[in-house]
Amino acid sequence: MGRSLRITLIALFLIVALIFGLTLGRQVFLANSEPTPAPDLSEYNTYVYEQPRELVEFTLTDEQGNTVTREDLKGRWSFVFVGYT
């Protein structure tokens, strides 16, 4: 292995270790701090219901042809796009 290749590999390893260390340190530091409050969504021209609304029963079909109901989405984050062309 050439000397320049060895120096390059060592430099890359040190950069990766530095990034990993900074990321880990940031996570440890932020874990001890108070979470930031949620933004006021009215600033973004959004409507926020005072009380949560009950989601009615529904049946959808996913991209594999499987049936999806309200119970399948319960307790999970879901990104839904409803649109047309």
C-alpha atoms as a PDB file:
ATOM      1  CA  MET A   1       0.000   0.000   0.000  1.00  0.00           C
ATOM      2  CA  GLY A   2       1.397   3.359  -0.996  1.00  0.00           C
ATOM      3  CA  ARG A   3       2.126   6.018   1.544  1.00  0.00           C
ATOM      4  CA  SER A   4      -0.377   8.499   0.065  1.00  0.00           C
ATOM      5  CA  LEU A   5      -3.144   5.866   0.119  1.00  0.00           C
ATOM      6  CA  ARG A   6      -2.372   5.066   3.762  1.00  0.00           C
ATOM      7  CA  ILE A   7      -2.503   8.772   4.708  1.00  0.00           C
ATOM      8  CA  THR A   8      -5.791   9.179   2.848  1.00  0.00           C
ATOM      9  CA  LEU A   9      -7.347   6.197   4.642  1.00  0.00           C
ATOM     10  CA  ILE A  10      -6.177   7.443   8.032  1.00  0.00           C
ATOM     11  CA  ALA A  11      -7.537  10.932   7.303  1.00  0.00           C
ATOM     12  CA  LEU A  12     -10.905   9.498   6.211  1.00  0.00           C
ATOM     13  CA  PHE A  13     -11.076   7.330   9.323  1.00  0.00           C
ATOM     14  CA  LEU A  14     -10.326  10.329  11.546  1.00  0.00           C
ATOM     15  CA  ILE A  15     -12.982  12.431   9.813  1.00  0.00           C
ATOM     16  CA  VAL A  16     -15.587   9.679  10.239  1.00  0.00           C
ATOM     17  CA  ALA A  17     -14.608   9.219  13.896  1.00  0.00           C
ATOM     18  CA  LEU A  18     -14.862  12.980  14.466  1.00  0.00           C
ATOM     19  CA  ILE A  19     -18.321  13.179  12.878  1.00  0.00           C
ATOM     20  CA  PHE A  20     -19.485  10.162  14.888  1.00  0.00           C
ATOM     21  CA  GLY A  21     -18.109  11.641  18.107  1.00  0.00           C
ATOM     22  CA  LEU A  22     -19.719  15.031  17.504  1.00  0.00           C
ATOM     23  CA  THR A  23     -23.065  13.394  16.687  1.00  0.00           C
ATOM     24  CA  LEU A  24     -22.932  11.193  19.769  1.00  0.00           C
ATOM     25  CA  GLY A  25     -21.910  14.119  21.970  1.00  0.00           C
ATOM     26  CA  ARG A  26     -24.737  16.253  20.609  1.00  0.00           C
ATOM     27  CA  GLN A  27     -27.271  13.510  21.352  1.00  0.00           C
ATOM     28  CA  VAL A  28     -25.984  13.126  24.907  1.00  0.00           C
ATOM     29  CA  PHE A  29     -25.999  16.887  25.436  1.00  0.00           C
ATOM     30  CA  LEU A  30     -29.514  17.338  24.035  1.00  0.00           C
ATOM     31  CA  ALA A  31     -30.900  14.403  26.040  1.00  0.00           C
ATOM     32  CA  ASN A  32     -30.317  16.385  29.239  1.00  0.00           C
ATOM     33  CA  SER A  33     -31.960  19.580  27.985  1.00  0.00           C
ATOM     34  CA  GLU A  34     -35.615  20.544  27.909  1.00  0.00           C
ATOM     35  CA  PRO A  35     -37.391  19.823  24.623  1.00  0.00           C
ATOM     36  CA  THR A  36     -38.326  22.829  22.554  1.00  0.00           C
ATOM     37  CA  PRO A  37     -42.035  23.643  22.629  1.00  0.00           C
ATOM     38  CA  ALA A  38     -44.166  22.974  19.572  1.00  0.00           C
ATOM     39  CA  PRO A  39     -44.475  25.949  17.237  1.00  0.00           C
ATOM     40  CA  ASP A  40     -47.681  27.949  17.011  1.00  0.00           C
ATOM     41  CA  LEU A  41     -49.169  26.437  13.868  1.00  0.00           C
ATOM     42  CA  SER A  42     -51.393  29.438  13.199  1.00  0.00           C
ATOM     43  CA  GLU A  43     -48.239  31.190  11.971  1.00  0.00           C
ATOM     44  CA  TYR A  44     -48.166  28.690   9.107  1.00  0.00           C
ATOM     45  CA  ASN A  45     -51.804  29.239   8.021  1.00  0.00           C
ATOM     46  CA  THR A  46     -52.903  25.906   9.461  1.00  0.00           C
ATOM     47  CA  TYR A  47     -56.032  25.004  11.383  1.00  0.00           C
ATOM     48  CA  VAL A  48     -55.696  23.106  14.634  1.00  0.00           C
ATOM     49  CA  TYR A  49     -58.788  21.545  16.164  1.00  0.00           C
ATOM     50  CA  GLU A  50     -59.384  22.331  19.827  1.00  0.00           C
ATOM     51  CA  GLN A  51     -60.419  18.732  20.492  1.00  0.00           C
ATOM     52  CA  PRO A  52     -59.182  15.753  18.471  1.00  0.00           C
ATOM     53  CA  ARG A  53     -61.713  14.375  16.028  1.00  0.00           C
ATOM     54  CA  GLU A  54     -62.624  10.704  15.942  1.00  0.00           C
ATOM     55  CA  LEU A  55     -61.468   8.988  12.777  1.00  0.00           C
ATOM     56  CA  VAL A  56     -64.340   7.169  11.096  1.00  0.00           C
ATOM     57  CA  GLU A  57     -63.971   3.571   9.945  1.00  0.00           C
ATOM     58  CA  PHE A  58     -62.515   3.210   6.460  1.00  0.00           C
ATOM     59  CA  THR A  59     -61.088   0.609   4.112  1.00  0.00           C
ATOM     60  CA  LEU A  60     -58.271   1.360   1.682  1.00  0.00           C
ATOM     61  CA  THR A  61     -56.109  -0.735  -0.614  1.00  0.00           C
ATOM     62  CA  ASP A  62     -52.318  -0.476  -0.438  1.00  0.00           C
ATOM     63  CA  GLU A  63     -49.858  -0.840  -3.318  1.00  0.00           C
ATOM     64  CA  GLN A  64     -49.716  -4.644  -2.881  1.00  0.00           C
ATOM     65  CA  GLY A  65     -53.509  -4.969  -3.008  1.00  0.00           C
ATOM     66  CA  ASN A  66     -53.872  -5.604   0.745  1.00  0.00           C
ATOM     67  CA  THR A  67     -56.724  -4.050   2.701  1.00  0.00           C
ATOM     68  CA  VAL A  68     -55.804  -1.286   5.172  1.00  0.00           C
ATOM     69  CA  THR A  69     -58.183  -0.225   7.949  1.00  0.00           C
ATOM     70  CA  ARG A  70     -58.086   2.261  10.779  1.00  0.00           C
ATOM     71  CA  GLU A  71     -56.776  -0.406  13.157  1.00  0.00           C
ATOM     72  CA  ASP A  72     -53.740  -1.023  10.908  1.00  0.00           C
ATOM     73  CA  LEU A  73     -52.667   2.609  11.350  1.00  0.00           C
ATOM     74  CA  LYS A  74     -53.380   2.892  15.080  1.00  0.00           C
ATOM     75  CA  GLY A  75     -50.335   3.904  17.137  1.00  0.00           C
ATOM     76  CA  ARG A  76     -48.112   4.502  14.087  1.00  0.00           C
ATOM     77  CA  TRP A  77     -47.030   7.542  12.122  1.00  0.00           C
ATOM     78  CA  SER A  78     -48.647   7.608   8.679  1.00  0.00           C
ATOM     79  CA  PHE A  79     -48.096   9.826   5.690  1.00  0.00           C
ATOM     80  CA  VAL A  80     -51.160   9.877   3.499  1.00  0.00           C
ATOM     81  CA  PHE A  81     -51.526  11.598   0.157  1.00  0.00           C
ATOM     82  CA  VAL A  82     -54.977  12.053  -1.253  1.00  0.00           C
ATOM     83  CA  GLY A  83     -54.942  13.629  -4.658  1.00  0.00           C
ATOM     84  CA  TYR A  84     -56.027  13.335  -8.218  1.00  0.00           C
ATOM     85  CA  THR A  85     -54.755  14.181 -11.666  1.00  0.00           C
END
